[in-house]
Amino acid sequence: MPQPTSPKPSPSPEAPNAANPKAVAPSKAKAGPAGAAPRPSRPASHFLRDVSIVFVVCAAGLAYYYKQVQTSKEVNHVAKKAKDLIEKDTPQDFYEAEKHLKDALALDSSNAYCLSALGEINALLWGEDGVADRRGQAEDYTHKADALDPHVAERYSADSLILLYAGQATQAEASVKAVIDRGAKSARLYDAYGRALRVEGKLDDARKAFTDATKAGRIPRFNVDLSEVFFDQGDALNAETYAQKALESNPEHPRALIMRARVGIARGLGIKSATDDLASLLGPRKTELTPSLLAEAYTARAELKIYNKQPADAAKDAKEAVAANGKYAPAHQALGMALVQSKDVGQALNEFDRAQAIDPYVSTFYFDAARALSLAGEGDKAIAILKKVATKDEHYHLAYGDLLERKGDQDNALAEYEEAIKLNSLSAQGFYGKGKILFAQKKIPEAGAAFQAALGAQPTFPEAHEQMGYVLLEGKKYEDAASEFEQSLNDMMQSQAPREQITALRDEFVNRLKKTKGVPKGLIATFNDDLKKIVH
């Protein structure tokens, strides 16, 4: 408010201009309200005091603002460290990230990102990794984040995951879908959505959601989740592709390493890599593994030992897996497979039932169990299990065709392979099965065409190269047959198949060439020399 001006003093009567009629009359002080005395003038000290007060207040405000800015910068810096660790997506990295997030909350207890991120990583540690005591923290941090109502992907992801791991898959699906339907496009949300759909048995929808997650983000679990769905549906090739993509994001990711090993074992490829990775995980890195990861690693090693025809050791590892996580369905499946190899069919059937009860949507459980029982001479039990499969897709017809072929029912087996090819015109296994039956029926040209189609769909296919070699031997195309045998062995070497298996097949090829009339001795000698370069 402006200060009033003081009246000028009246000139003294003795002053030189006192009698001058043009002299300016002295001004009068402005009167206040009627009867009130004139307002007194304020000294200059008051003005300085008021300016000082304004300066102090402004300085305090600036200091407070500066402190807030600096705190915000520090919180963001610490939170960025945590976010980088979280995106590595391993339990060990979650534990380190948690320390940073708590440090940030010590500076700003209402930071929405930190609360949301703590809710999400604790939900994953609880539900995915099997660390039971993390449930309370997951719920606590997520409730605090919800109270702030931030539009943070980690918050919505945590909301859905907590519902899912509490056994409320339908509510989990609805929770995250509502956010996606409002236009949110986050890899975390797509992945949480896919997980809920997967638990509900909506595998095709889950696969689409996981695919969206892999396109929107590079966190390893998005690719591993997609890989697992492909694997459960019998598509090992795509399963391998996405397991490898996960490892491109983090080469040390335990779930991705386990998934790659399981897929490789199922395909008979990368056996040495699988052996080395599992030895590391269950050896030097074992302390890093949570209960769920232990179950997954032991299951993969059990599957490796089943592949290597070591049923007793396989059963031991499968039991370790069940002890680590009794709700992990593949552990029961692996135990059942090991028991079939040990001729304990009755107990194997019990384990297959347990696996199917825990997760009835994994079609490969039925296919693999049926195949194992069929190889053990339990054809009727194998067919009974296979008929439980709800979806009669390509893989069902392939599995059923294999069962019928082992039972000697070639006509019906051939019909099943044809059905598989109708559903997938690039069904390498369908053409391979068809070719074997046609070859057995002495329909050599037709068999050759089928094996060629199999190799066209899947060039790296050692069994198809082997069968093509036999077709060429029948057609007296000896050099071409030798080339196919060499390619078969080369593919097996590249796939890291067991050395004894490769050696046995090498000896088989040499014997077949020697026993076939008309094969030049020089070709056999050359073949042997070539094999030394392949099998060494």
Protein backbone atom coordinates (compact mmCIF):
# COMPACT_ATOMS: atom_id res chain seq x y z
CA MET A 1 0.00 0.00 0.00
CA PRO A 2 1.53 3.49 -0.93
CA GLN A 3 2.64 5.67 1.95
CA PRO A 4 0.79 9.12 2.38
CA THR A 5 2.87 12.22 1.45
CA SER A 6 3.76 14.75 4.16
CA PRO A 7 2.49 18.38 3.77
CA LYS A 8 5.05 20.97 2.81
CA PRO A 9 6.01 23.33 5.64
CA SER A 10 4.47 26.91 5.45
CA PRO A 11 6.91 29.61 4.47
CA SER A 12 7.98 31.89 7.33
CA PRO A 13 6.41 35.40 7.32
CA GLU A 14 9.91 36.77 7.30
CA ALA A 15 10.69 35.01 4.11
CA PRO A 16 11.41 37.22 1.05
CA ASN A 17 8.28 36.23 -0.82
CA ALA A 18 5.88 36.57 2.08
CA ALA A 19 4.13 39.66 0.70
CA ASN A 20 4.13 38.45 -2.88
CA PRO A 21 0.52 37.90 -4.01
CA LYS A 22 1.65 35.15 -6.43
CA ALA A 23 3.19 33.10 -3.69
CA VAL A 24 1.87 29.53 -3.50
CA ALA A 25 -0.47 28.96 -0.58
CA PRO A 26 0.68 26.33 1.80
CA SER A 27 -0.98 22.96 1.25
CA LYS A 28 -3.13 21.47 3.95
CA ALA A 29 -2.99 17.95 5.23
CA LYS A 30 -5.78 15.79 3.87
CA ALA A 31 -8.55 15.45 6.34
CA GLY A 32 -9.77 12.04 7.37
CA PRO A 33 -13.33 11.24 8.26
CA ALA A 34 -15.33 14.00 9.78
CA GLY A 35 -13.95 14.90 13.11
CA ALA A 36 -10.88 12.71 12.74
CA ALA A 37 -7.37 13.94 13.14
CA PRO A 38 -5.07 13.92 10.09
CA ARG A 39 -3.19 10.59 9.47
CA PRO A 40 0.33 10.69 10.81
CA SER A 41 3.20 10.10 8.42
CA ARG A 42 5.17 6.67 8.58
CA PRO A 43 8.87 6.72 9.08
CA ALA A 44 11.18 5.23 6.38
CA SER A 45 12.20 2.45 8.82
CA HIS A 46 8.77 0.87 8.43
CA PHE A 47 9.21 0.67 4.68
CA LEU A 48 12.54 -1.10 5.09
CA ARG A 49 11.01 -3.50 7.60
CA ASP A 50 8.21 -4.47 5.19
CA VAL A 51 10.62 -4.99 2.32
CA SER A 52 12.76 -7.20 4.54
CA ILE A 53 9.76 -9.32 5.49
CA VAL A 54 8.82 -9.81 1.83
CA PHE A 55 12.40 -10.74 1.02
CA VAL A 56 12.58 -13.31 3.85
CA VAL A 57 9.28 -14.91 2.81
CA CYS A 58 10.36 -15.09 -0.85
CA ALA A 59 13.74 -16.50 0.09
CA ALA A 60 12.11 -19.19 2.24
CA GLY A 61 9.76 -20.08 -0.62
CA LEU A 62 12.62 -20.29 -3.05
CA ALA A 63 14.61 -22.44 -0.63
CA TYR A 64 11.63 -24.78 -0.18
CA TYR A 65 11.09 -24.94 -3.94
CA TYR A 66 14.78 -25.62 -4.53
CA LYS A 67 14.75 -28.40 -1.92
CA GLN A 68 11.67 -29.96 -3.54
CA VAL A 69 13.29 -29.83 -6.98
CA GLN A 70 16.49 -31.38 -5.67
CA THR A 71 14.54 -34.12 -3.84
CA SER A 72 12.54 -34.85 -6.96
CA LYS A 73 15.73 -35.12 -8.99
CA GLU A 74 17.28 -37.47 -6.43
CA VAL A 75 14.12 -39.62 -6.29
CA ASN A 76 14.00 -39.84 -10.07
CA HIS A 77 17.69 -40.77 -10.19
CA VAL A 78 17.25 -43.57 -7.65
CA ALA A 79 14.02 -44.76 -9.28
CA LYS A 80 15.78 -44.94 -12.67
CA LYS A 81 18.38 -47.28 -11.18
CA ALA A 82 15.58 -49.45 -9.82
CA LYS A 83 13.74 -49.49 -13.15
CA ASP A 84 16.85 -50.63 -15.02
CA LEU A 85 17.27 -53.52 -12.56
CA ILE A 86 13.60 -54.46 -12.74
CA GLU A 87 13.82 -54.78 -16.51
CA LYS A 88 16.51 -57.46 -16.14
CA ASP A 89 13.64 -59.47 -14.69
CA THR A 90 15.33 -61.87 -12.25
CA PRO A 91 14.65 -62.35 -8.53
CA GLN A 92 18.15 -61.15 -7.67
CA ASP A 93 17.63 -57.96 -9.66
CA PHE A 94 14.22 -57.46 -8.02
CA TYR A 95 15.87 -57.62 -4.59
CA GLU A 96 18.44 -54.99 -5.61
CA ALA A 97 15.77 -52.80 -7.19
CA GLU A 98 13.73 -53.02 -4.00
CA LYS A 99 16.55 -51.38 -2.02
CA HIS A 100 16.64 -48.43 -4.42
CA LEU A 101 12.87 -48.03 -4.40
CA LYS A 102 12.80 -47.98 -0.60
CA ASP A 103 15.58 -45.38 -0.60
CA ALA A 104 13.46 -43.25 -2.93
CA LEU A 105 10.41 -43.63 -0.69
CA ALA A 106 12.49 -42.42 2.27
CA LEU A 107 12.84 -39.15 0.34
CA ASP A 108 9.26 -39.07 -0.95
CA SER A 109 6.88 -41.48 0.76
CA SER A 110 4.06 -40.77 -1.71
CA ASN A 111 5.98 -41.40 -4.92
CA ALA A 112 3.43 -43.24 -7.09
CA TYR A 113 5.96 -44.99 -9.34
CA CYS A 114 7.99 -46.40 -6.45
CA LEU A 115 4.92 -47.70 -4.64
CA SER A 116 3.54 -49.24 -7.84
CA ALA A 117 6.86 -50.85 -8.79
CA LEU A 118 7.27 -52.33 -5.32
CA GLY A 119 3.75 -53.73 -5.57
CA GLU A 120 4.49 -55.33 -8.94
CA ILE A 121 7.86 -56.91 -8.11
CA ASN A 122 6.54 -58.30 -4.84
CA ALA A 123 3.52 -59.73 -6.67
CA LEU A 124 5.89 -61.46 -9.11
CA LEU A 125 8.13 -62.75 -6.32
CA TRP A 126 5.06 -64.15 -4.56
CA GLY A 127 3.09 -65.56 -7.47
CA GLU A 128 5.69 -66.41 -10.11
CA ASP A 129 8.71 -67.23 -7.97
CA GLY A 130 6.96 -68.89 -5.06
CA VAL A 131 8.31 -66.60 -2.30
CA ALA A 132 5.21 -66.87 -0.13
CA ASP A 133 6.05 -64.13 2.40
CA ARG A 134 6.00 -61.49 -0.35
CA ARG A 135 2.22 -61.51 -0.64
CA GLY A 136 1.70 -59.07 2.23
CA GLN A 137 4.16 -56.55 0.83
CA ALA A 138 2.67 -56.86 -2.66
CA GLU A 139 -0.79 -56.04 -1.33
CA ASP A 140 0.41 -53.28 1.00
CA TYR A 141 2.39 -51.33 -1.60
CA THR A 142 -0.29 -51.78 -4.24
CA HIS A 143 -3.03 -50.50 -1.92
CA LYS A 144 -0.92 -47.41 -1.18
CA ALA A 145 -0.43 -46.85 -4.90
CA ASP A 146 -4.14 -47.33 -5.57
CA ALA A 147 -4.95 -44.66 -2.99
CA LEU A 148 -2.98 -42.15 -5.06
CA ASP A 149 -4.78 -43.31 -8.23
CA PRO A 150 -1.81 -42.83 -10.58
CA HIS A 151 -1.90 -43.81 -14.25
CA VAL A 152 1.16 -46.03 -13.89
CA ALA A 153 1.44 -49.35 -15.74
CA GLU A 154 3.15 -51.06 -12.81
CA ARG A 155 0.18 -50.21 -10.59
CA TYR A 156 -2.39 -51.76 -12.94
CA SER A 157 -0.15 -54.76 -13.54
CA ALA A 158 0.20 -55.32 -9.79
CA ASP A 159 -3.57 -55.02 -9.27
CA SER A 160 -4.19 -57.79 -11.81
CA LEU A 161 -1.34 -60.06 -10.71
CA ILE A 162 -2.43 -59.96 -7.06
CA LEU A 163 -5.93 -61.04 -8.03
CA LEU A 164 -4.52 -63.77 -10.28
CA TYR A 165 -2.18 -65.24 -7.68
CA ALA A 166 -4.94 -65.08 -5.08
CA GLY A 167 -6.93 -67.50 -7.26
CA GLN A 168 -9.22 -64.94 -8.88
CA ALA A 169 -8.27 -65.30 -12.55
CA THR A 170 -11.59 -64.01 -13.90
CA GLN A 171 -11.37 -60.83 -11.81
CA ALA A 172 -7.71 -60.43 -12.78
CA GLU A 173 -8.63 -60.62 -16.45
CA ALA A 174 -11.46 -58.08 -16.05
CA SER A 175 -9.29 -55.71 -14.02
CA VAL A 176 -6.54 -55.32 -16.58
CA LYS A 177 -8.81 -55.58 -19.62
CA ALA A 178 -10.77 -52.55 -18.41
CA VAL A 179 -7.55 -50.51 -18.43
CA ILE A 180 -6.54 -51.79 -21.88
CA ASP A 181 -10.03 -51.03 -23.21
CA ARG A 182 -9.60 -47.41 -22.09
CA GLY A 183 -6.68 -47.13 -24.51
CA ALA A 184 -3.69 -48.12 -22.39
CA LYS A 185 -0.93 -49.69 -24.48
CA SER A 186 1.64 -51.11 -22.13
CA ALA A 187 3.64 -54.34 -22.43
CA ARG A 188 3.14 -54.91 -18.70
CA LEU A 189 -0.63 -54.77 -19.06
CA TYR A 190 -0.67 -57.09 -22.08
CA ASP A 191 1.48 -59.58 -20.19
CA ALA A 192 -0.69 -59.48 -17.06
CA TYR A 193 -3.74 -59.92 -19.30
CA GLY A 194 -2.12 -62.89 -21.03
CA ARG A 195 -1.30 -64.53 -17.70
CA ALA A 196 -4.90 -64.33 -16.57
CA LEU A 197 -6.14 -65.75 -19.88
CA ARG A 198 -3.59 -68.55 -19.69
CA VAL A 199 -4.77 -69.65 -16.25
CA GLU A 200 -8.35 -69.67 -17.53
CA GLY A 201 -7.34 -72.01 -20.35
CA LYS A 202 -7.81 -69.43 -23.13
CA LEU A 203 -4.46 -70.28 -24.71
CA ASP A 204 -5.07 -68.73 -28.12
CA ASP A 205 -6.15 -65.43 -26.57
CA ALA A 206 -3.24 -65.59 -24.13
CA ARG A 207 -0.83 -66.12 -27.01
CA LYS A 208 -2.16 -62.99 -28.72
CA ALA A 209 -1.82 -60.93 -25.53
CA PHE A 210 1.74 -62.18 -24.95
CA THR A 211 2.58 -61.39 -28.58
CA ASP A 212 1.37 -57.82 -28.02
CA ALA A 213 3.55 -57.65 -24.91
CA THR A 214 6.66 -58.76 -26.83
CA LYS A 215 6.01 -56.08 -29.45
CA ALA A 216 5.59 -53.34 -26.86
CA GLY A 217 8.47 -54.18 -24.51
CA ARG A 218 11.68 -56.18 -24.16
CA ILE A 219 11.46 -57.45 -20.58
CA PRO A 220 12.48 -61.14 -20.78
CA ARG A 221 9.39 -62.58 -19.13
CA PHE A 222 7.17 -61.34 -21.95
CA ASN A 223 9.03 -63.57 -24.42
CA VAL A 224 9.28 -66.48 -21.97
CA ASP A 225 5.53 -66.38 -21.32
CA LEU A 226 4.89 -66.53 -25.07
CA SER A 227 7.44 -69.32 -25.49
CA GLU A 228 5.70 -71.40 -22.81
CA VAL A 229 2.30 -71.10 -24.49
CA PHE A 230 3.76 -72.25 -27.81
CA PHE A 231 5.50 -75.12 -26.01
CA ASP A 232 2.33 -76.17 -24.20
CA GLN A 233 0.52 -76.26 -27.54
CA GLY A 234 3.20 -78.42 -29.15
CA ASP A 235 4.82 -75.70 -31.28
CA ALA A 236 8.44 -76.23 -30.26
CA LEU A 237 9.89 -74.19 -33.14
CA ASN A 238 8.16 -70.95 -32.10
CA ALA A 239 8.80 -71.79 -28.46
CA GLU A 240 12.52 -71.90 -29.18
CA THR A 241 12.37 -68.61 -31.11
CA TYR A 242 10.87 -66.67 -28.22
CA ALA A 243 13.04 -68.30 -25.55
CA GLN A 244 16.03 -67.10 -27.55
CA LYS A 245 14.57 -63.59 -27.82
CA ALA A 246 14.27 -63.48 -24.03
CA LEU A 247 17.95 -64.36 -23.74
CA GLU A 248 18.84 -61.56 -26.15
CA SER A 249 17.43 -59.15 -23.54
CA ASN A 250 19.19 -60.88 -20.63
CA PRO A 251 21.57 -63.78 -21.39
CA GLU A 252 21.56 -64.85 -17.72
CA HIS A 253 17.77 -64.97 -17.29
CA PRO A 254 17.04 -68.25 -15.41
CA ARG A 255 13.51 -68.85 -16.75
CA ALA A 256 14.66 -68.23 -20.31
CA LEU A 257 17.62 -70.60 -19.95
CA ILE A 258 15.36 -73.29 -18.51
CA MET A 259 12.79 -72.76 -21.24
CA ARG A 260 15.42 -72.99 -23.98
CA ALA A 261 16.73 -76.20 -22.42
CA ARG A 262 13.27 -77.79 -22.24
CA VAL A 263 12.47 -76.91 -25.83
CA GLY A 264 15.83 -78.19 -27.06
CA ILE A 265 15.43 -81.47 -25.20
CA ALA A 266 11.93 -81.93 -26.61
CA ARG A 267 13.28 -81.38 -30.12
CA GLY A 268 16.47 -83.38 -29.59
CA LEU A 269 18.47 -80.24 -30.38
CA GLY A 270 21.03 -78.27 -28.38
CA ILE A 271 21.49 -81.10 -25.90
CA LYS A 272 24.98 -80.02 -24.85
CA SER A 273 23.85 -76.42 -24.27
CA ALA A 274 20.90 -77.67 -22.22
CA THR A 275 23.21 -79.91 -20.20
CA ASP A 276 25.66 -77.08 -19.50
CA ASP A 277 22.97 -74.50 -18.65
CA LEU A 278 21.20 -76.81 -16.22
CA ALA A 279 24.49 -77.83 -14.61
CA SER A 280 25.22 -74.15 -13.99
CA LEU A 281 21.76 -73.32 -12.66
CA LEU A 282 21.64 -76.30 -10.31
CA GLY A 283 25.31 -75.90 -9.40
CA PRO A 284 27.04 -72.52 -8.92
CA ARG A 285 23.85 -70.51 -9.42
CA LYS A 286 21.56 -72.65 -7.30
CA THR A 287 21.43 -70.07 -4.48
CA GLU A 288 19.86 -67.59 -6.94
CA LEU A 289 16.89 -69.85 -7.59
CA THR A 290 13.55 -69.28 -5.87
CA PRO A 291 11.29 -72.28 -5.10
CA SER A 292 9.52 -72.02 -8.46
CA LEU A 293 12.76 -71.70 -10.39
CA LEU A 294 14.17 -74.72 -8.55
CA ALA A 295 11.13 -76.74 -9.60
CA GLU A 296 11.51 -75.62 -13.21
CA ALA A 297 15.25 -76.37 -13.32
CA TYR A 298 14.89 -79.82 -11.74
CA THR A 299 12.05 -80.61 -14.14
CA ALA A 300 14.17 -79.66 -17.14
CA ARG A 301 17.03 -81.82 -15.90
CA ALA A 302 14.62 -84.72 -15.34
CA GLU A 303 13.48 -84.33 -18.96
CA LEU A 304 17.13 -84.34 -20.06
CA LYS A 305 17.73 -87.61 -18.22
CA ILE A 306 14.59 -89.13 -19.72
CA TYR A 307 15.99 -88.18 -23.13
CA ASN A 308 19.28 -89.87 -22.17
CA LYS A 309 17.43 -93.01 -21.00
CA GLN A 310 18.33 -92.55 -17.32
CA PRO A 311 14.92 -93.10 -15.68
CA ALA A 312 16.13 -93.56 -12.10
CA ASP A 313 18.06 -90.28 -12.11
CA ALA A 314 15.20 -88.58 -13.94
CA ALA A 315 12.71 -89.68 -11.27
CA LYS A 316 15.02 -88.36 -8.54
CA ASP A 317 15.19 -84.91 -10.15
CA ALA A 318 11.44 -84.89 -10.81
CA LYS A 319 10.78 -85.61 -7.13
CA GLU A 320 13.06 -82.70 -6.19
CA ALA A 321 10.97 -80.52 -8.49
CA VAL A 322 7.72 -81.65 -6.86
CA ALA A 323 9.21 -80.98 -3.41
CA ALA A 324 10.17 -77.43 -4.46
CA ASN A 325 6.76 -76.65 -5.94
CA GLY A 326 4.05 -79.30 -5.79
CA LYS A 327 1.75 -77.16 -7.95
CA TYR A 328 4.13 -77.15 -10.92
CA ALA A 329 2.38 -79.49 -13.35
CA PRO A 330 5.39 -80.28 -15.61
CA ALA A 331 7.20 -81.74 -12.58
CA HIS A 332 4.48 -84.38 -12.16
CA GLN A 333 4.49 -84.99 -15.91
CA ALA A 334 8.27 -85.56 -15.91
CA LEU A 335 7.97 -87.92 -12.95
CA GLY A 336 5.30 -89.88 -14.82
CA MET A 337 7.51 -90.12 -17.91
CA ALA A 338 10.44 -91.37 -15.83
CA LEU A 339 8.22 -93.99 -14.17
CA VAL A 340 7.03 -95.25 -17.56
CA GLN A 341 10.66 -95.76 -18.57
CA SER A 342 11.13 -97.68 -15.32
CA LYS A 343 8.09 -99.86 -16.21
CA ASP A 344 6.10 -98.55 -13.23
CA VAL A 345 3.06 -97.77 -15.37
CA GLY A 346 0.52 -97.70 -12.53
CA GLN A 347 2.32 -94.97 -10.59
CA ALA A 348 3.11 -93.14 -13.84
CA LEU A 349 -0.60 -92.89 -14.61
CA ASN A 350 -1.16 -91.32 -11.17
CA GLU A 351 1.46 -88.65 -11.92
CA PHE A 352 -0.03 -87.98 -15.36
CA ASP A 353 -3.42 -87.50 -13.68
CA ARG A 354 -1.91 -85.03 -11.21
CA ALA A 355 -0.28 -83.01 -13.98
CA GLN A 356 -3.52 -82.88 -15.97
CA ALA A 357 -5.54 -81.92 -12.87
CA ILE A 358 -3.22 -79.00 -12.08
CA ASP A 359 -3.11 -77.75 -15.67
CA PRO A 360 -5.61 -79.48 -17.96
CA TYR A 361 -4.91 -77.14 -20.86
CA VAL A 362 -1.41 -78.39 -21.79
CA SER A 363 -2.01 -80.59 -24.82
CA THR A 364 1.59 -81.85 -24.85
CA PHE A 365 0.97 -83.56 -21.50
CA TYR A 366 -1.47 -85.89 -23.24
CA PHE A 367 0.65 -86.35 -26.38
CA ASP A 368 3.87 -87.10 -24.51
CA ALA A 369 2.20 -89.41 -22.01
CA ALA A 370 0.47 -91.31 -24.81
CA ARG A 371 3.72 -91.68 -26.73
CA ALA A 372 5.62 -92.93 -23.68
CA LEU A 373 2.92 -95.47 -22.85
CA SER A 374 2.79 -96.63 -26.47
CA LEU A 375 6.56 -97.19 -26.52
CA ALA A 376 6.21 -99.15 -23.30
CA GLY A 377 3.70 -101.45 -24.99
CA GLU A 378 0.66 -99.89 -23.32
CA GLY A 379 -1.13 -98.94 -26.54
CA ASP A 380 -4.67 -99.05 -25.14
CA LYS A 381 -3.77 -96.85 -22.16
CA ALA A 382 -2.01 -94.49 -24.55
CA ILE A 383 -5.10 -94.09 -26.71
CA ALA A 384 -7.29 -93.60 -23.63
CA ILE A 385 -5.11 -90.67 -22.52
CA LEU A 386 -4.96 -89.16 -25.99
CA LYS A 387 -8.73 -89.15 -26.31
CA LYS A 388 -8.93 -86.76 -23.34
CA VAL A 389 -7.54 -83.98 -25.55
CA ALA A 390 -10.27 -81.41 -26.15
CA THR A 391 -8.88 -79.76 -29.29
CA LYS A 392 -8.34 -82.07 -32.25
CA ASP A 393 -5.64 -79.98 -33.93
CA GLU A 394 -2.60 -80.88 -36.04
CA HIS A 395 -0.65 -82.12 -33.02
CA TYR A 396 -3.50 -84.39 -31.94
CA HIS A 397 -3.65 -86.05 -35.37
CA LEU A 398 0.14 -86.45 -35.44
CA ALA A 399 0.16 -88.07 -32.00
CA TYR A 400 -2.77 -90.34 -32.85
CA GLY A 401 -1.14 -91.29 -36.14
CA ASP A 402 2.06 -92.25 -34.32
CA LEU A 403 0.10 -94.45 -31.88
CA LEU A 404 -1.76 -96.23 -34.65
CA GLU A 405 1.45 -96.72 -36.64
CA ARG A 406 3.11 -98.40 -33.65
CA LYS A 407 0.09 -100.67 -33.29
CA GLY A 408 0.50 -101.68 -36.93
CA ASP A 409 -2.67 -99.95 -38.13
CA GLN A 410 -1.05 -98.26 -41.13
CA ASP A 411 -4.21 -97.30 -43.00
CA ASN A 412 -5.75 -95.41 -40.10
CA ALA A 413 -2.37 -93.94 -39.17
CA LEU A 414 -1.97 -92.62 -42.71
CA ALA A 415 -5.44 -91.06 -42.49
CA GLU A 416 -4.42 -89.24 -39.29
CA TYR A 417 -1.26 -87.87 -40.94
CA GLU A 418 -3.37 -86.67 -43.86
CA GLU A 419 -5.66 -84.86 -41.41
CA ALA A 420 -2.63 -83.15 -39.85
CA ILE A 421 -1.47 -82.03 -43.31
CA LYS A 422 -4.95 -80.67 -44.08
CA LEU A 423 -4.75 -78.51 -40.96
CA ASN A 424 -1.19 -77.40 -41.74
CA SER A 425 0.09 -77.67 -45.28
CA LEU A 426 3.65 -77.31 -43.93
CA SER A 427 3.37 -80.08 -41.33
CA ALA A 428 6.87 -81.55 -41.51
CA GLN A 429 5.97 -84.31 -39.04
CA GLY A 430 2.81 -85.09 -40.98
CA PHE A 431 4.72 -85.58 -44.23
CA TYR A 432 7.41 -87.56 -42.40
CA GLY A 433 4.87 -89.96 -40.87
CA LYS A 434 3.13 -90.32 -44.21
CA GLY A 435 6.44 -91.05 -45.94
CA LYS A 436 7.37 -93.79 -43.48
CA ILE A 437 4.11 -95.64 -44.08
CA LEU A 438 4.36 -95.30 -47.86
CA PHE A 439 7.95 -96.57 -47.75
CA ALA A 440 6.88 -99.56 -45.65
CA GLN A 441 4.19 -100.23 -48.28
CA LYS A 442 6.91 -100.18 -51.00
CA LYS A 443 5.44 -97.05 -52.59
CA ILE A 444 8.90 -95.64 -53.11
CA PRO A 445 8.23 -92.60 -55.37
CA GLU A 446 5.30 -91.50 -53.18
CA ALA A 447 7.43 -91.94 -50.04
CA GLY A 448 10.22 -89.87 -51.60
CA ALA A 449 7.80 -87.06 -52.41
CA ALA A 450 6.54 -87.08 -48.81
CA PHE A 451 10.06 -86.89 -47.36
CA GLN A 452 10.93 -84.08 -49.76
CA ALA A 453 7.87 -82.17 -48.56
CA ALA A 454 8.93 -82.74 -44.95
CA LEU A 455 12.39 -81.32 -45.69
CA GLY A 456 10.85 -78.42 -47.58
CA ALA A 457 8.89 -77.50 -44.47
CA GLN A 458 11.78 -78.18 -42.07
CA PRO A 459 15.23 -78.35 -43.72
CA THR A 460 17.01 -79.33 -40.50
CA PHE A 461 15.34 -82.70 -39.98
CA PRO A 462 17.89 -85.53 -39.54
CA GLU A 463 15.28 -88.32 -39.48
CA ALA A 464 13.80 -87.16 -42.79
CA HIS A 465 17.27 -87.01 -44.38
CA GLU A 466 17.89 -90.55 -43.13
CA GLN A 467 14.64 -91.84 -44.64
CA MET A 468 15.32 -89.98 -47.88
CA GLY A 469 18.66 -91.79 -48.04
CA TYR A 470 16.89 -95.16 -47.85
CA VAL A 471 14.51 -94.09 -50.64
CA LEU A 472 17.49 -93.14 -52.84
CA LEU A 473 19.19 -96.46 -52.10
CA GLU A 474 16.09 -98.23 -53.35
CA GLY A 475 16.27 -96.13 -56.50
CA LYS A 476 19.96 -97.03 -56.97
CA LYS A 477 21.01 -93.40 -56.57
CA TYR A 478 23.89 -94.34 -54.30
CA GLU A 479 25.85 -91.09 -54.25
CA ASP A 480 22.69 -89.09 -53.48
CA ALA A 481 21.83 -91.57 -50.73
CA ALA A 482 25.28 -91.14 -49.18
CA SER A 483 24.82 -87.36 -49.28
CA GLU A 484 21.51 -87.65 -47.42
CA PHE A 485 23.11 -89.87 -44.76
CA GLU A 486 25.92 -87.35 -44.34
CA GLN A 487 23.40 -84.51 -43.98
CA SER A 488 21.49 -86.47 -41.37
CA LEU A 489 24.64 -86.97 -39.29
CA ASN A 490 25.68 -83.36 -39.78
CA ASP A 491 22.28 -82.15 -38.53
CA MET A 492 22.62 -84.38 -35.48
CA MET A 493 26.08 -83.01 -34.75
CA GLN A 494 24.77 -79.45 -35.05
CA SER A 495 21.92 -80.29 -32.69
CA GLN A 496 24.43 -81.58 -30.09
CA ALA A 497 22.82 -85.02 -29.98
CA PRO A 498 24.56 -87.58 -27.71
CA ARG A 499 27.76 -88.88 -29.30
CA GLU A 500 26.80 -92.52 -28.86
CA GLN A 501 23.57 -91.91 -30.77
CA ILE A 502 25.47 -90.30 -33.65
CA THR A 503 28.06 -93.08 -33.68
CA ALA A 504 25.39 -95.78 -33.77
CA LEU A 505 23.67 -94.09 -36.71
CA ARG A 506 26.98 -93.67 -38.54
CA ASP A 507 27.62 -97.41 -38.22
CA GLU A 508 24.09 -98.13 -39.44
CA PHE A 509 24.62 -96.03 -42.58
CA VAL A 510 27.96 -97.68 -43.36
CA ASN A 511 26.45 -101.15 -42.95
CA ARG A 512 23.49 -100.29 -45.18
CA LEU A 513 25.80 -99.10 -47.95
CA LYS A 514 27.96 -102.22 -47.63
CA LYS A 515 24.95 -104.56 -47.77
CA THR A 516 23.31 -102.85 -50.73
CA LYS A 517 24.24 -104.54 -53.98
CA GLY A 518 25.73 -102.28 -56.60
CA VAL A 519 27.21 -99.66 -54.29
CA PRO A 520 30.78 -98.99 -55.50
CA LYS A 521 33.50 -99.74 -52.97
CA GLY A 522 35.10 -96.40 -53.80
CA LEU A 523 31.90 -94.61 -52.71
CA ILE A 524 31.96 -96.44 -49.39
CA ALA A 525 35.59 -95.42 -48.86
CA THR A 526 34.79 -91.80 -49.70
CA PHE A 527 31.76 -91.91 -47.41
CA ASN A 528 33.91 -93.14 -44.54
CA ASP A 529 36.44 -90.36 -45.15
CA ASP A 530 33.67 -87.76 -45.20
CA LEU A 531 32.23 -89.07 -41.96
CA LYS A 532 35.56 -88.54 -40.22
CA LYS A 533 35.12 -84.81 -40.87
CA ILE A 534 31.60 -84.85 -39.44
CA VAL A 535 31.93 -87.28 -36.52
CA HIS A 536 35.19 -86.46 -34.79
